[in-house]
PDB file of N, CA and C in Angstrom:
ATOM      1  N   MET A   1    -106.972 -10.189  18.701  1.00  0.00           N
ATOM      2  CA  MET A   1    -106.262 -10.042  17.439  1.00  0.00           C
ATOM      3  C   MET A   1    -106.447  -8.622  16.927  1.00  0.00           C
ATOM      4  N   PHE A   2    -105.366  -7.992  16.547  1.00  0.00           N
ATOM      5  CA  PHE A   2    -105.483  -6.636  16.032  1.00  0.00           C
ATOM      6  C   PHE A   2    -105.972  -6.667  14.586  1.00  0.00           C
ATOM      7  N   LYS A   3    -106.551  -5.557  14.175  1.00  0.00           N
ATOM      8  CA  LYS A   3    -107.069  -5.438  12.819  1.00  0.00           C
ATOM      9  C   LYS A   3    -106.045  -4.713  11.955  1.00  0.00           C
ATOM     10  N   TYR A   4    -106.051  -5.040  10.695  1.00  0.00           N
ATOM     11  CA  TYR A   4    -105.136  -4.408   9.743  1.00  0.00           C
ATOM     12  C   TYR A   4    -105.801  -3.154   9.183  1.00  0.00           C
ATOM     13  N   THR A   5    -105.676  -2.057   9.938  1.00  0.00           N
ATOM     14  CA  THR A   5    -106.277  -0.790   9.539  1.00  0.00           C
ATOM     15  C   THR A   5    -105.213   0.303   9.613  1.00  0.00           C
ATOM     16  N   HIS A   6    -105.530   1.443   9.031  1.00  0.00           N
ATOM     17  CA  HIS A   6    -104.611   2.583   9.113  1.00  0.00           C
ATOM     18  C   HIS A   6    -104.466   3.049  10.563  1.00  0.00           C
ATOM     19  N   HIS A   7    -105.510   2.875  11.347  1.00  0.00           N
ATOM     20  CA  HIS A   7    -105.448   3.237  12.767  1.00  0.00           C
ATOM     21  C   HIS A   7    -104.403   2.379  13.492  1.00  0.00           C
ATOM     22  N   THR A   8    -104.384   1.085  13.194  1.00  0.00           N
ATOM     23  CA  THR A   8    -103.389   0.191  13.796  1.00  0.00           C
ATOM     24  C   THR A   8    -101.986   0.596  13.371  1.00  0.00           C
ATOM     25  N   LEU A   9    -101.819   0.952  12.104  1.00  0.00           N
ATOM     26  CA  LEU A   9    -100.521   1.396  11.607  1.00  0.00           C
ATOM     27  C   LEU A   9    -100.065   2.648  12.356  1.00  0.00           C
ATOM     28  N   LYS A  10    -100.981   3.590  12.581  1.00  0.00           N
ATOM     29  CA  LYS A  10    -100.642   4.811  13.314  1.00  0.00           C
ATOM     30  C   LYS A  10    -100.274   4.507  14.768  1.00  0.00           C
ATOM     31  N   LYS A  11    -100.971   3.541  15.377  1.00  0.00           N
ATOM     32  CA  LYS A  11    -100.629   3.137  16.750  1.00  0.00           C
ATOM     33  C   LYS A  11     -99.204   2.600  16.797  1.00  0.00           C
ATOM     34  N   LEU A  12     -98.859   1.762  15.825  1.00  0.00           N
ATOM     35  CA  LEU A  12     -97.507   1.203  15.781  1.00  0.00           C
ATOM     36  C   LEU A  12     -96.464   2.292  15.555  1.00  0.00           C
ATOM     37  N   GLU A  13     -96.769   3.241  14.686  1.00  0.00           N
ATOM     38  CA  GLU A  13     -95.842   4.349  14.463  1.00  0.00           C
ATOM     39  C   GLU A  13     -95.625   5.134  15.758  1.00  0.00           C
ATOM     40  N   GLY A  14     -96.691   5.363  16.513  1.00  0.00           N
ATOM     41  CA  GLY A  14     -96.580   6.053  17.796  1.00  0.00           C
ATOM     42  C   GLY A  14     -95.764   5.263  18.802  1.00  0.00           C
ATOM     43  N   LEU A  15     -95.929   3.955  18.797  1.00  0.00           N
ATOM     44  CA  LEU A  15     -95.166   3.095  19.700  1.00  0.00           C
ATOM     45  C   LEU A  15     -93.678   3.149  19.360  1.00  0.00           C
ATOM     46  N   PHE A  16     -93.342   3.082  18.072  1.00  0.00           N
ATOM     47  CA  PHE A  16     -91.939   3.184  17.669  1.00  0.00           C
ATOM     48  C   PHE A  16     -91.358   4.536  18.075  1.00  0.00           C
ATOM     49  N   GLU A  17     -92.139   5.582  17.926  1.00  0.00           N
ATOM     50  CA  GLU A  17     -91.686   6.914  18.328  1.00  0.00           C
ATOM     51  C   GLU A  17     -91.421   6.947  19.836  1.00  0.00           C
ATOM     52  N   ALA A  18     -92.286   6.308  20.603  1.00  0.00           N
ATOM     53  CA  ALA A  18     -92.138   6.282  22.064  1.00  0.00           C
ATOM     54  C   ALA A  18     -90.876   5.546  22.499  1.00  0.00           C
ATOM     55  N   ILE A  19     -90.459   4.548  21.730  1.00  0.00           N
ATOM     56  CA  ILE A  19     -89.233   3.825  22.103  1.00  0.00           C
ATOM     57  C   ILE A  19     -87.996   4.422  21.446  1.00  0.00           C
ATOM     58  N   GLY A  20     -88.203   5.543  20.727  1.00  0.00           N
ATOM     59  CA  GLY A  20     -87.071   6.287  20.196  1.00  0.00           C
ATOM     60  C   GLY A  20     -86.675   5.948  18.771  1.00  0.00           C
ATOM     61  N   TYR A  21     -87.517   5.238  18.044  1.00  0.00           N
ATOM     62  CA  TYR A  21     -87.214   4.881  16.660  1.00  0.00           C
ATOM     63  C   TYR A  21     -88.027   5.739  15.697  1.00  0.00           C
ATOM     64  N   LEU A  22     -87.414   6.063  14.587  1.00  0.00           N
ATOM     65  CA  LEU A  22     -88.088   6.788  13.518  1.00  0.00           C
ATOM     66  C   LEU A  22     -88.457   5.768  12.441  1.00  0.00           C
ATOM     67  N   ILE A  23     -89.716   5.780  12.017  1.00  0.00           N
ATOM     68  CA  ILE A  23     -90.181   4.894  10.952  1.00  0.00           C
ATOM     69  C   ILE A  23     -90.250   5.692   9.664  1.00  0.00           C
ATOM     70  N   ARG A  24     -89.656   5.144   8.614  1.00  0.00           N
ATOM     71  CA  ARG A  24     -89.744   5.775   7.299  1.00  0.00           C
ATOM     72  C   ARG A  24     -90.214   4.736   6.300  1.00  0.00           C
ATOM     73  N   PHE A  25     -91.093   5.143   5.422  1.00  0.00           N
ATOM     74  CA  PHE A  25     -91.569   4.283   4.345  1.00  0.00           C
ATOM     75  C   PHE A  25     -90.943   4.801   3.058  1.00  0.00           C
ATOM     76  N   GLU A  26     -90.006   4.044   2.530  1.00  0.00           N
ATOM     77  CA  GLU A  26     -89.235   4.469   1.360  1.00  0.00           C
ATOM     78  C   GLU A  26     -89.181   3.338   0.344  1.00  0.00           C
ATOM     79  N   LYS A  27     -88.859   3.701  -0.894  1.00  0.00           N
ATOM     80  CA  LYS A  27     -88.633   2.657  -1.879  1.00  0.00           C
ATOM     81  C   LYS A  27     -87.170   2.242  -1.786  1.00  0.00           C
ATOM     82  N   GLY A  28     -86.915   1.013  -2.133  1.00  0.00           N
ATOM     83  CA  GLY A  28     -85.547   0.523  -2.057  1.00  0.00           C
ATOM     84  C   GLY A  28     -85.496  -0.964  -2.314  1.00  0.00           C
ATOM     85  N   HIS A  29     -84.313  -1.476  -2.365  1.00  0.00           N
ATOM     86  CA  HIS A  29     -84.113  -2.906  -2.609  1.00  0.00           C
ATOM     87  C   HIS A  29     -83.716  -3.555  -1.283  1.00  0.00           C
ATOM     88  N   PHE A  30     -84.716  -3.924  -0.504  1.00  0.00           N
ATOM     89  CA  PHE A  30     -84.480  -4.567   0.785  1.00  0.00           C
ATOM     90  C   PHE A  30     -84.807  -6.046   0.616  1.00  0.00           C
ATOM     91  N   ASN A  31     -83.880  -6.914   0.929  1.00  0.00           N
ATOM     92  CA  ASN A  31     -84.148  -8.348   0.802  1.00  0.00           C
ATOM     93  C   ASN A  31     -85.294  -8.780   1.694  1.00  0.00           C
ATOM     94  N   SER A  32     -85.356  -8.221   2.884  1.00  0.00           N
ATOM     95  CA  SER A  32     -86.405  -8.610   3.829  1.00  0.00           C
ATOM     96  C   SER A  32     -87.609  -7.674   3.779  1.00  0.00           C
ATOM     97  N   GLY A  33     -87.524  -6.615   3.009  1.00  0.00           N
ATOM     98  CA  GLY A  33     -88.611  -5.642   2.945  1.00  0.00           C
ATOM     99  C   GLY A  33     -88.431  -4.481   3.899  1.00  0.00           C
ATOM    100  N   TYR A  34     -87.381  -4.556   4.715  1.00  0.00           N
ATOM    101  CA  TYR A  34     -87.105  -3.455   5.637  1.00  0.00           C
ATOM    102  C   TYR A  34     -85.627  -3.410   5.968  1.00  0.00           C
ATOM    103  N   CYS A  35     -85.218  -2.319   6.555  1.00  0.00           N
ATOM    104  CA  CYS A  35     -83.837  -2.121   6.962  1.00  0.00           C
ATOM    105  C   CYS A  35     -83.849  -1.388   8.293  1.00  0.00           C
ATOM    106  N   ILE A  36     -83.036  -1.842   9.238  1.00  0.00           N
ATOM    107  CA  ILE A  36     -82.945  -1.189  10.546  1.00  0.00           C
ATOM    108  C   ILE A  36     -81.553  -0.596  10.690  1.00  0.00           C
ATOM    109  N   LEU A  37     -81.495   0.697  10.926  1.00  0.00           N
ATOM    110  CA  LEU A  37     -80.233   1.370  11.188  1.00  0.00           C
ATOM    111  C   LEU A  37     -80.139   1.548  12.701  1.00  0.00           C
ATOM    112  N   GLU A  38     -79.576   0.553  13.380  1.00  0.00           N
ATOM    113  CA  GLU A  38     -79.553   0.518  14.841  1.00  0.00           C
ATOM    114  C   GLU A  38     -78.905   1.750  15.457  1.00  0.00           C
ATOM    115  N   SER A  39     -77.775   2.181  14.928  1.00  0.00           N
ATOM    116  CA  SER A  39     -77.057   3.289  15.565  1.00  0.00           C
ATOM    117  C   SER A  39     -77.847   4.593  15.510  1.00  0.00           C
ATOM    118  N   LYS A  40     -78.711   4.746  14.506  1.00  0.00           N
ATOM    119  CA  LYS A  40     -79.502   5.965  14.384  1.00  0.00           C
ATOM    120  C   LYS A  40     -80.949   5.762  14.790  1.00  0.00           C
ATOM    121  N   LYS A  41     -81.302   4.530  15.151  1.00  0.00           N
ATOM    122  CA  LYS A  41     -82.667   4.175  15.533  1.00  0.00           C
ATOM    123  C   LYS A  41     -83.667   4.588  14.455  1.00  0.00           C
ATOM    124  N   VAL A  42     -83.366   4.170  13.238  1.00  0.00           N
ATOM    125  CA  VAL A  42     -84.237   4.428  12.090  1.00  0.00           C
ATOM    126  C   VAL A  42     -84.618   3.083  11.482  1.00  0.00           C
ATOM    127  N   VAL A  43     -85.898   2.934  11.184  1.00  0.00           N
ATOM    128  CA  VAL A  43     -86.400   1.743  10.509  1.00  0.00           C
ATOM    129  C   VAL A  43     -86.966   2.204   9.174  1.00  0.00           C
ATOM    130  N   VAL A  44     -86.481   1.595   8.101  1.00  0.00           N
ATOM    131  CA  VAL A  44     -86.960   1.921   6.763  1.00  0.00           C
ATOM    132  C   VAL A  44     -87.722   0.704   6.242  1.00  0.00           C
ATOM    133  N   ILE A  45     -88.987   0.922   5.893  1.00  0.00           N
ATOM    134  CA  ILE A  45     -89.858  -0.148   5.409  1.00  0.00           C
ATOM    135  C   ILE A  45     -90.237   0.160   3.966  1.00  0.00           C
ATOM    136  N   ASN A  46     -90.298  -0.866   3.165  1.00  0.00           N
ATOM    137  CA  ASN A  46     -90.660  -0.717   1.759  1.00  0.00           C
ATOM    138  C   ASN A  46     -92.040  -0.079   1.645  1.00  0.00           C
ATOM    139  N   ARG A  47     -92.114   1.066   1.014  1.00  0.00           N
ATOM    140  CA  ARG A  47     -93.376   1.795   0.948  1.00  0.00           C
ATOM    141  C   ARG A  47     -94.387   1.148   0.008  1.00  0.00           C
ATOM    142  N   TYR A  48     -93.946   0.209  -0.814  1.00  0.00           N
ATOM    143  CA  TYR A  48     -94.859  -0.461  -1.732  1.00  0.00           C
ATOM    144  C   TYR A  48     -95.559  -1.658  -1.095  1.00  0.00           C
ATOM    145  N   PHE A  49     -95.221  -1.959   0.138  1.00  0.00           N
ATOM    146  CA  PHE A  49     -95.936  -3.010   0.867  1.00  0.00           C
ATOM    147  C   PHE A  49     -97.393  -2.595   1.035  1.00  0.00           C
ATOM    148  N   ASP A  50     -98.270  -3.581   1.043  1.00  0.00           N
ATOM    149  CA  ASP A  50     -99.661  -3.275   1.371  1.00  0.00           C
ATOM    150  C   ASP A  50     -99.770  -3.077   2.882  1.00  0.00           C
ATOM    151  N   LEU A  51    -100.919  -2.628   3.331  1.00  0.00           N
ATOM    152  CA  LEU A  51    -101.129  -2.278   4.737  1.00  0.00           C
ATOM    153  C   LEU A  51    -100.814  -3.450   5.665  1.00  0.00           C
ATOM    154  N   GLU A  52    -101.299  -4.633   5.333  1.00  0.00           N
ATOM    155  CA  GLU A  52    -101.074  -5.813   6.172  1.00  0.00           C
ATOM    156  C   GLU A  52     -99.587  -6.133   6.289  1.00  0.00           C
ATOM    157  N   ALA A  53     -98.865  -6.048   5.191  1.00  0.00           N
ATOM    158  CA  ALA A  53     -97.427  -6.342   5.215  1.00  0.00           C
ATOM    159  C   ALA A  53     -96.664  -5.306   6.043  1.00  0.00           C
ATOM    160  N   LYS A  54     -97.060  -4.041   5.944  1.00  0.00           N
ATOM    161  CA  LYS A  54     -96.405  -3.004   6.747  1.00  0.00           C
ATOM    162  C   LYS A  54     -96.600  -3.277   8.239  1.00  0.00           C
ATOM    163  N   ILE A  55     -97.828  -3.610   8.634  1.00  0.00           N
ATOM    164  CA  ILE A  55     -98.121  -3.871  10.046  1.00  0.00           C
ATOM    165  C   ILE A  55     -97.376  -5.104  10.519  1.00  0.00           C
ATOM    166  N   ASN A  56     -97.415  -6.188   9.750  1.00  0.00           N
ATOM    167  CA  ASN A  56     -96.714  -7.413  10.138  1.00  0.00           C
ATOM    168  C   ASN A  56     -95.212  -7.180  10.251  1.00  0.00           C
ATOM    169  N   THR A  57     -94.659  -6.394   9.345  1.00  0.00           N
ATOM    170  CA  THR A  57     -93.231  -6.080   9.397  1.00  0.00           C
ATOM    171  C   THR A  57     -92.892  -5.293  10.653  1.00  0.00           C
ATOM    172  N   MET A  58     -93.727  -4.317  10.990  1.00  0.00           N
ATOM    173  CA  MET A  58     -93.463  -3.514  12.186  1.00  0.00           C
ATOM    174  C   MET A  58     -93.556  -4.355  13.453  1.00  0.00           C
ATOM    175  N   VAL A  59     -94.502  -5.281  13.507  1.00  0.00           N
ATOM    176  CA  VAL A  59     -94.635  -6.167  14.666  1.00  0.00           C
ATOM    177  C   VAL A  59     -93.417  -7.088  14.753  1.00  0.00           C
ATOM    178  N   GLU A  60     -92.944  -7.569  13.623  1.00  0.00           N
ATOM    179  CA  GLU A  60     -91.750  -8.412  13.596  1.00  0.00           C
ATOM    180  C   GLU A  60     -90.526  -7.650  14.084  1.00  0.00           C
ATOM    181  N   ILE A  61     -90.407  -6.395  13.671  1.00  0.00           N
ATOM    182  CA  ILE A  61     -89.282  -5.566  14.098  1.00  0.00           C
ATOM    183  C   ILE A  61     -89.359  -5.301  15.602  1.00  0.00           C
ATOM    184  N   LEU A  62     -90.555  -5.054  16.113  1.00  0.00           N
ATOM    185  CA  LEU A  62     -90.719  -4.844  17.561  1.00  0.00           C
ATOM    186  C   LEU A  62     -90.170  -6.024  18.346  1.00  0.00           C
ATOM    187  N   ALA A  63     -90.482  -7.217  17.882  1.00  0.00           N
ATOM    188  CA  ALA A  63     -89.996  -8.415  18.571  1.00  0.00           C
ATOM    189  C   ALA A  63     -88.476  -8.521  18.495  1.00  0.00           C
ATOM    190  N   SER A  64     -87.895  -8.076  17.385  1.00  0.00           N
ATOM    191  CA  SER A  64     -86.447  -8.209  17.229  1.00  0.00           C
ATOM    192  C   SER A  64     -85.666  -7.172  18.037  1.00  0.00           C
ATOM    193  N   ILE A  65     -86.231  -5.969  18.225  1.00  0.00           N
ATOM    194  CA  ILE A  65     -85.498  -4.963  18.999  1.00  0.00           C
ATOM    195  C   ILE A  65     -85.786  -5.069  20.494  1.00  0.00           C
ATOM    196  N   ASP A  66     -86.858  -5.764  20.856  1.00  0.00           N
ATOM    197  CA  ASP A  66     -87.192  -6.086  22.247  1.00  0.00           C
ATOM    198  C   ASP A  66     -87.061  -4.882  23.197  1.00  0.00           C
ATOM    199  N   PRO A  67     -87.904  -3.859  23.024  1.00  0.00           N
ATOM    200  CA  PRO A  67     -87.826  -2.687  23.904  1.00  0.00           C
ATOM    201  C   PRO A  67     -88.274  -3.006  25.334  1.00  0.00           C
ATOM    202  N   ASP A  68     -87.793  -2.219  26.268  1.00  0.00           N
ATOM    203  CA  ASP A  68     -88.135  -2.393  27.678  1.00  0.00           C
ATOM    204  C   ASP A  68     -89.449  -1.678  27.988  1.00  0.00           C
ATOM    205  N   PRO A  69     -90.517  -2.422  28.334  1.00  0.00           N
ATOM    206  CA  PRO A  69     -91.807  -1.784  28.599  1.00  0.00           C
ATOM    207  C   PRO A  69     -91.799  -0.866  29.817  1.00  0.00           C
ATOM    208  N   SER A  70     -90.856  -1.059  30.734  1.00  0.00           N
ATOM    209  CA  SER A  70     -90.834  -0.223  31.941  1.00  0.00           C
ATOM    210  C   SER A  70     -90.414   1.218  31.632  1.00  0.00           C
ATOM    211  N   THR A  71     -89.841   1.458  30.464  1.00  0.00           N
ATOM    212  CA  THR A  71     -89.421   2.806  30.094  1.00  0.00           C
ATOM    213  C   THR A  71     -90.524   3.574  29.368  1.00  0.00           C
ATOM    214  N   LEU A  72     -91.665   2.912  29.133  1.00  0.00           N
ATOM    215  CA  LEU A  72     -92.765   3.517  28.376  1.00  0.00           C
ATOM    216  C   LEU A  72     -93.890   3.956  29.293  1.00  0.00           C
ATOM    217  N   ASP A  73     -94.698   4.888  28.804  1.00  0.00           N
ATOM    218  CA  ASP A  73     -95.889   5.246  29.565  1.00  0.00           C
ATOM    219  C   ASP A  73     -96.861   4.057  29.504  1.00  0.00           C
ATOM    220  N   PRO A  74     -97.832   3.989  30.396  1.00  0.00           N
ATOM    221  CA  PRO A  74     -98.725   2.815  30.463  1.00  0.00           C
ATOM    222  C   PRO A  74     -99.447   2.492  29.155  1.00  0.00           C
ATOM    223  N   ARG A  75     -99.839   3.514  28.416  1.00  0.00           N
ATOM    224  CA  ARG A  75    -100.556   3.272  27.158  1.00  0.00           C
ATOM    225  C   ARG A  75     -99.655   2.572  26.143  1.00  0.00           C
ATOM    226  N   HIS A  76     -98.426   3.050  25.990  1.00  0.00           N
ATOM    227  CA  HIS A  76     -97.510   2.437  25.037  1.00  0.00           C
ATOM    228  C   HIS A  76     -97.037   1.068  25.527  1.00  0.00           C
ATOM    229  N   ALA A  77     -96.883   0.906  26.834  1.00  0.00           N
ATOM    230  CA  ALA A  77     -96.497  -0.404  27.372  1.00  0.00           C
ATOM    231  C   ALA A  77     -97.582  -1.431  27.085  1.00  0.00           C
ATOM    232  N   ARG A  78     -98.845  -1.023  27.201  1.00  0.00           N
ATOM    233  CA  ARG A  78     -99.960  -1.920  26.903  1.00  0.00           C
ATOM    234  C   ARG A  78     -99.968  -2.298  25.415  1.00  0.00           C
ATOM    235  N   LEU A  79     -99.732  -1.314  24.554  1.00  0.00           N
ATOM    236  CA  LEU A  79     -99.668  -1.593  23.117  1.00  0.00           C
ATOM    237  C   LEU A  79     -98.519  -2.538  22.786  1.00  0.00           C
ATOM    238  N   LEU A  80     -97.370  -2.302  23.400  1.00  0.00           N
ATOM    239  CA  LEU A  80     -96.225  -3.173  23.166  1.00  0.00           C
ATOM    240  C   LEU A  80     -96.557  -4.605  23.559  1.00  0.00           C
ATOM    241  N   LYS A  81     -97.160  -4.760  24.711  1.00  0.00           N
ATOM    242  CA  LYS A  81     -97.534  -6.091  25.173  1.00  0.00           C
ATOM    243  C   LYS A  81     -98.535  -6.739  24.212  1.00  0.00           C
ATOM    244  N   GLU A  82     -99.512  -5.961  23.761  1.00  0.00           N
ATOM    245  CA  GLU A  82    -100.523  -6.484  22.840  1.00  0.00           C
ATOM    246  C   GLU A  82     -99.899  -6.945  21.528  1.00  0.00           C
ATOM    247  N   PHE A  83     -99.055  -6.128  20.944  1.00  0.00           N
ATOM    248  CA  PHE A  83     -98.475  -6.485  19.646  1.00  0.00           C
ATOM    249  C   PHE A  83     -97.462  -7.609  19.753  1.00  0.00           C
ATOM    250  N   THR A  84     -96.642  -7.621  20.787  1.00  0.00           N
ATOM    251  CA  THR A  84     -95.651  -8.694  20.907  1.00  0.00           C
ATOM    252  C   THR A  84     -96.302  -9.997  21.328  1.00  0.00           C
ATOM    253  N   TRP A  85     -97.369  -9.933  22.127  1.00  0.00           N
ATOM    254  CA  TRP A  85     -98.091 -11.147  22.513  1.00  0.00           C
ATOM    255  C   TRP A  85     -98.734 -11.767  21.282  1.00  0.00           C
ATOM    256  N   GLN A  86     -99.361 -10.946  20.468  1.00  0.00           N
ATOM    257  CA  GLN A  86    -100.042 -11.473  19.295  1.00  0.00           C
ATOM    258  C   GLN A  86     -99.059 -12.017  18.278  1.00  0.00           C
ATOM    259  N   LYS A  87     -97.882 -11.445  18.207  1.00  0.00           N
ATOM    260  CA  LYS A  87     -96.840 -11.971  17.305  1.00  0.00           C
ATOM    261  C   LYS A  87     -96.447 -13.379  17.736  1.00  0.00           C
ATOM    262  N   SER A  88     -96.366 -13.601  19.043  1.00  0.00           N
ATOM    263  CA  SER A  88     -95.991 -14.931  19.532  1.00  0.00           C
ATOM    264  C   SER A  88     -97.089 -15.955  19.302  1.00  0.00           C
ATOM    265  N   GLN A  89     -98.319 -15.490  19.110  1.00  0.00           N
ATOM    266  CA  GLN A  89     -99.444 -16.397  18.880  1.00  0.00           C
ATOM    267  C   GLN A  89     -99.582 -16.792  17.417  1.00  0.00           C
ATOM    268  N   LEU A  90     -98.905 -16.081  16.503  1.00  0.00           N
ATOM    269  CA  LEU A  90     -99.029 -16.366  15.075  1.00  0.00           C
ATOM    270  C   LEU A  90     -98.237 -17.572  14.655  1.00  0.00           C
TER     271      LEU A  90
END
């Protein structure tokens, strides 16, 4: 189980960068707490979320965009597997 720390958040940000997505934390009126701009590969997450909510949201988004692990370096592929596996266990 991953821990809800700033280090985990940074790992997730790096993983999103590796799959070509830009993560932005902005204020806004998002019904789900986030917005995905697929054509520009930008994910906007409510910046007022606490750390746990930001991490859970990013893991949920990872599962929804379903990136191909074979296109990632081994470190990011391992992280992807770890985060998506743990999401399925929740």
